[in-house]
């Protein structure tokens, strides 16, 4: 391994197997390098999700349940303070991950600085908690075409119509930037089958294997969603 892939860290695990765990710990290969505000709030967020789930039997319909959560969504361009959180999501998110690019912090910062690309984030808060940034998109623009190069979302916001809200805001952003169509990409993996039909559910049409397009000429930007657009700045560290 050292000879063929010198960039890979190798831990010697010879001798008594009872000492292997200690050897791995000493190597510090699995120690978290940074702690984001999202990490600090994770326990609160999951407790809020359980509280929200507990209210579901009290609602007559799913729409009524979602409306009762008083969800507010913030869609905005990524900031420098978001980079570590976004890199963390890139490494961890597998189910709602359309292309699994696995951008690291340096990649994300570079994309943010490009004139032909943009990184967007979506933050969520409801009547139970501020969940911070739970989704991100990387888009690249070539003339009138905006391509969603990468889109991922935390499993914490599944089944909340967050994806409809995000696309609504992306359509607004694409029009503002002079695009006339949005192209979405999907690369199947063993774990992201849950989003295999995502673009088609959002009104995109197939344009080839793994490619979907949404002409903006007649798109209704007021898609069904239970989110209120939030204009307030995100909580610190989102």
Protein backbone atom coordinates (compact mmCIF):
# COMPACT_ATOMS: atom_id res chain seq x y z
CA UNK A 1 0.00 0.00 0.00
CA UNK A 2 2.80 2.42 0.91
CA UNK A 3 4.54 1.70 -2.38
CA UNK A 4 1.53 1.95 -4.71
CA UNK A 5 -0.54 4.58 -2.86
CA UNK A 6 1.85 6.64 -0.72
CA UNK A 7 -0.89 9.17 0.03
CA UNK A 8 -2.81 6.55 2.04
CA UNK A 9 -2.06 6.40 5.75
CA UNK A 10 -1.02 2.92 6.88
CA UNK A 11 -1.28 1.73 10.48
CA UNK A 12 0.84 -1.21 11.58
CA UNK A 13 -1.40 -3.80 13.23
CA UNK A 14 1.00 -6.58 14.03
CA UNK A 15 1.24 -8.57 17.23
CA UNK A 16 -1.51 -9.01 19.82
CA UNK A 17 -4.92 -8.06 18.30
CA UNK A 18 -5.98 -6.64 21.66
CA UNK A 19 -3.69 -3.69 20.97
CA UNK A 20 -5.12 -2.83 17.53
CA UNK A 21 -7.73 -0.38 18.82
CA UNK A 22 -5.11 1.51 20.81
CA UNK A 23 -2.87 1.66 17.71
CA UNK A 24 -5.67 3.15 15.63
CA UNK A 25 -6.44 5.67 18.35
CA UNK A 26 -2.81 6.76 18.57
CA UNK A 27 -2.79 7.37 14.79
CA UNK A 28 -5.61 9.93 15.25
CA UNK A 29 -6.90 9.14 11.77
CA UNK A 30 -10.54 9.18 12.85
CA UNK A 31 -10.47 12.24 15.05
CA UNK A 32 -12.82 14.99 13.89
CA UNK A 33 -10.75 17.94 12.71
CA UNK A 34 -13.44 20.58 13.08
CA UNK A 35 -16.62 20.96 15.10
CA UNK A 36 -19.32 22.99 13.36
CA UNK A 37 -22.29 24.70 14.94
CA UNK A 38 -24.44 22.05 13.25
CA UNK A 39 -22.60 19.38 15.25
CA UNK A 40 -23.33 21.26 18.46
CA UNK A 41 -27.01 21.53 17.57
CA UNK A 42 -27.47 17.98 16.29
CA UNK A 43 -28.94 16.57 19.50
CA UNK A 44 -31.39 19.47 19.72
CA UNK A 45 -32.36 18.98 16.08
CA UNK A 46 -33.08 15.27 16.46
CA UNK A 47 -35.09 15.91 19.62
CA UNK A 48 -37.11 18.48 17.66
CA UNK A 49 -37.69 15.96 14.88
CA UNK A 50 -39.04 13.46 17.40
CA UNK A 51 -41.31 16.14 18.82
CA UNK A 52 -42.55 17.00 15.33
CA UNK A 53 -43.18 13.35 14.53
CA UNK A 54 -45.20 13.00 17.72
CA UNK A 55 -47.64 15.64 16.45
CA UNK A 56 -48.40 13.72 13.24
CA UNK A 57 -51.25 11.57 14.67
CA UNK A 58 -53.02 14.77 15.73
CA UNK A 59 -53.32 15.98 12.11
CA UNK A 60 -56.04 14.75 9.77
CA UNK A 61 -53.75 14.82 6.73
CA UNK A 62 -50.06 15.07 5.92
CA UNK A 63 -50.63 18.56 4.54
CA UNK A 64 -52.18 19.61 7.84
CA UNK A 65 -49.26 18.12 9.75
CA UNK A 66 -46.68 19.93 7.62
CA UNK A 67 -48.55 23.21 7.83
CA UNK A 68 -48.58 22.88 11.61
CA UNK A 69 -44.79 22.69 11.76
CA UNK A 70 -44.55 26.38 10.75
CA UNK A 71 -41.49 25.69 8.62
CA UNK A 72 -39.33 28.53 7.34
CA UNK A 73 -36.74 27.98 4.64
CA UNK A 74 -33.79 30.15 3.73
CA UNK A 75 -32.16 29.69 0.31
CA UNK A 76 -29.03 31.76 -0.25
CA UNK A 77 -25.53 31.76 -1.68
CA UNK A 78 -22.97 29.97 0.48
CA UNK A 79 -20.67 32.06 2.65
CA UNK A 80 -17.12 31.42 3.78
CA UNK A 81 -18.44 30.35 7.18
CA UNK A 82 -20.46 27.56 5.54
CA UNK A 83 -17.53 25.78 3.90
CA UNK A 84 -16.66 23.37 6.73
CA UNK A 85 -20.31 22.42 7.22
CA UNK A 86 -20.75 21.82 3.48
CA UNK A 87 -17.62 19.69 3.28
CA UNK A 88 -18.91 17.69 6.23
CA UNK A 89 -22.22 17.11 4.45
CA UNK A 90 -20.37 16.05 1.30
CA UNK A 91 -18.53 13.36 3.22
CA UNK A 92 -21.57 12.08 5.12
CA UNK A 93 -24.61 12.35 2.84
CA UNK A 94 -25.41 9.25 0.79
CA UNK A 95 -29.18 8.90 0.30
CA UNK A 96 -30.23 12.32 -0.97
CA UNK A 97 -27.07 12.87 -2.97
CA UNK A 98 -27.69 13.21 -6.69
CA UNK A 99 -24.16 12.84 -8.06
CA UNK A 100 -21.93 11.95 -5.08
CA UNK A 101 -19.13 14.26 -6.22
CA UNK A 102 -17.61 14.36 -2.70
CA UNK A 103 -16.25 17.90 -2.88
CA UNK A 104 -13.91 18.80 -0.01
CA UNK A 105 -13.54 22.21 1.64
CA UNK A 106 -10.94 23.41 -0.87
CA UNK A 107 -13.13 22.33 -3.80
CA UNK A 108 -16.14 24.16 -2.37
CA UNK A 109 -14.17 27.34 -1.75
CA UNK A 110 -12.84 27.20 -5.32
CA UNK A 111 -16.34 26.72 -6.75
CA UNK A 112 -17.60 29.69 -4.74
CA UNK A 113 -14.90 31.85 -6.33
CA UNK A 114 -15.66 30.86 -9.93
CA UNK A 115 -17.60 33.24 -12.17
CA UNK A 116 -19.37 30.38 -13.95
CA UNK A 117 -20.37 28.46 -10.81
CA UNK A 118 -22.24 29.02 -7.58
CA UNK A 119 -22.85 27.18 -4.32
CA UNK A 120 -26.22 27.56 -2.62
CA UNK A 121 -27.41 26.44 0.80
CA UNK A 122 -30.82 25.79 2.27
CA UNK A 123 -31.43 26.29 6.00
CA UNK A 124 -34.52 25.13 7.89
CA UNK A 125 -36.20 26.18 11.09
CA UNK A 126 -39.60 25.24 12.42
CA UNK A 127 -41.59 25.75 15.59
CA UNK A 128 -39.49 23.15 17.37
CA UNK A 129 -35.91 24.12 16.46
CA UNK A 130 -33.46 25.83 14.16
CA UNK A 131 -31.96 22.96 12.15
CA UNK A 132 -29.38 25.10 10.36
CA UNK A 133 -28.07 24.28 6.89
CA UNK A 134 -29.54 20.97 5.73
CA UNK A 135 -29.04 21.09 1.97
CA UNK A 136 -26.57 22.40 -0.59
CA UNK A 137 -26.36 22.72 -4.35
CA UNK A 138 -23.45 23.33 -6.69
CA UNK A 139 -24.49 24.82 -10.03
CA UNK A 140 -22.49 25.66 -13.11
CA UNK A 141 -23.69 27.98 -15.84
CA UNK A 142 -22.87 27.91 -19.53
CA UNK A 143 -24.77 30.64 -21.33
CA UNK A 144 -28.49 30.11 -20.88
CA UNK A 145 -28.08 26.70 -19.23
CA UNK A 146 -27.69 26.29 -15.49
CA UNK A 147 -26.61 22.76 -14.54
CA UNK A 148 -27.11 21.31 -11.07
CA UNK A 149 -23.74 19.63 -10.75
CA UNK A 150 -24.31 18.47 -7.18
CA UNK A 151 -27.31 18.45 -4.84
CA UNK A 152 -27.53 16.86 -1.44
CA UNK A 153 -29.88 17.10 1.52
CA UNK A 154 -29.91 15.78 5.06
CA UNK A 155 -32.25 12.87 5.79
CA UNK A 156 -33.66 15.07 8.56
CA UNK A 157 -35.80 16.93 6.02
CA UNK A 158 -37.14 14.03 3.99
CA UNK A 159 -40.90 14.19 3.34
CA UNK A 160 -41.18 17.88 4.23
CA UNK A 161 -41.49 19.31 0.66
CA UNK A 162 -38.06 20.92 1.10
CA UNK A 163 -36.99 19.83 -2.38
CA UNK A 164 -39.95 21.69 -3.93
CA UNK A 165 -39.00 24.81 -2.02
CA UNK A 166 -35.36 24.54 -3.12
CA UNK A 167 -36.29 24.13 -6.79
CA UNK A 168 -38.67 27.09 -6.60
CA UNK A 169 -35.86 29.26 -5.30
CA UNK A 170 -33.38 27.83 -7.81
CA UNK A 171 -35.75 28.74 -10.64
CA UNK A 172 -35.86 32.32 -9.33
CA UNK A 173 -32.07 32.40 -9.12
CA UNK A 174 -31.63 30.92 -12.61
CA UNK A 175 -33.91 33.55 -14.11
CA UNK A 176 -32.06 36.29 -12.26
CA UNK A 177 -28.80 35.02 -13.75
CA UNK A 178 -30.21 34.96 -17.28
CA UNK A 179 -30.67 31.20 -17.66
CA UNK A 180 -33.55 29.81 -19.70
CA UNK A 181 -33.29 26.21 -18.57
CA UNK A 182 -32.00 24.16 -15.65
CA UNK A 183 -30.34 20.79 -16.20
CA UNK A 184 -30.21 18.26 -13.38
CA UNK A 185 -27.82 15.32 -13.22
CA UNK A 186 -28.31 12.00 -11.46
CA UNK A 187 -25.63 9.31 -11.05
CA UNK A 188 -27.04 6.17 -9.39
CA UNK A 189 -25.22 4.56 -6.50
CA UNK A 190 -26.03 1.68 -4.17
CA UNK A 191 -27.53 4.12 -1.65
CA UNK A 192 -29.17 7.02 -3.49
CA UNK A 193 -32.10 5.21 -5.10
CA UNK A 194 -34.49 7.31 -3.01
CA UNK A 195 -33.82 10.23 -5.39
CA UNK A 196 -33.77 8.27 -8.66
CA UNK A 197 -37.02 9.93 -9.79
CA UNK A 198 -36.54 13.23 -7.96
CA UNK A 199 -36.14 15.45 -10.99
CA UNK A 200 -39.14 13.94 -12.75
CA UNK A 201 -41.24 14.48 -9.61
CA UNK A 202 -40.15 18.12 -9.67
CA UNK A 203 -41.30 18.65 -13.25
CA UNK A 204 -38.06 18.01 -15.14
CA UNK A 205 -38.15 15.91 -18.30
CA UNK A 206 -35.67 13.24 -19.25
CA UNK A 207 -32.99 14.37 -21.70
CA UNK A 208 -30.91 11.21 -21.73
CA UNK A 209 -29.57 8.75 -19.19
CA UNK A 210 -29.06 10.58 -15.91
CA UNK A 211 -29.85 13.97 -17.46
CA UNK A 212 -33.04 15.96 -16.85
CA UNK A 213 -34.02 19.42 -18.04
CA UNK A 214 -36.47 22.08 -16.96
CA UNK A 215 -37.18 24.84 -19.51
CA UNK A 216 -38.03 27.97 -17.55
CA UNK A 217 -40.30 29.72 -20.06
CA UNK A 218 -43.51 28.38 -18.57
CA UNK A 219 -42.46 27.19 -15.14
CA UNK A 220 -44.79 28.12 -12.30
CA UNK A 221 -42.43 29.17 -9.51
CA UNK A 222 -45.15 28.79 -6.87
CA UNK A 223 -44.75 25.04 -6.45
CA UNK A 224 -46.63 23.25 -3.69
CA UNK A 225 -44.57 23.63 -0.57
CA UNK A 226 -45.21 24.08 3.13
CA UNK A 227 -42.30 26.46 3.64
CA UNK A 228 -42.39 30.19 4.19
CA UNK A 229 -39.40 31.93 2.65
CA UNK A 230 -37.16 33.15 5.44
CA UNK A 231 -35.40 36.45 4.89
CA UNK A 232 -33.55 36.48 8.21
CA UNK A 233 -29.81 35.63 8.23
CA UNK A 234 -29.05 32.02 9.23
CA UNK A 235 -28.17 31.17 12.81
CA UNK A 236 -24.45 31.41 13.51
CA UNK A 237 -22.49 28.54 12.05
CA UNK A 238 -25.50 27.11 10.18
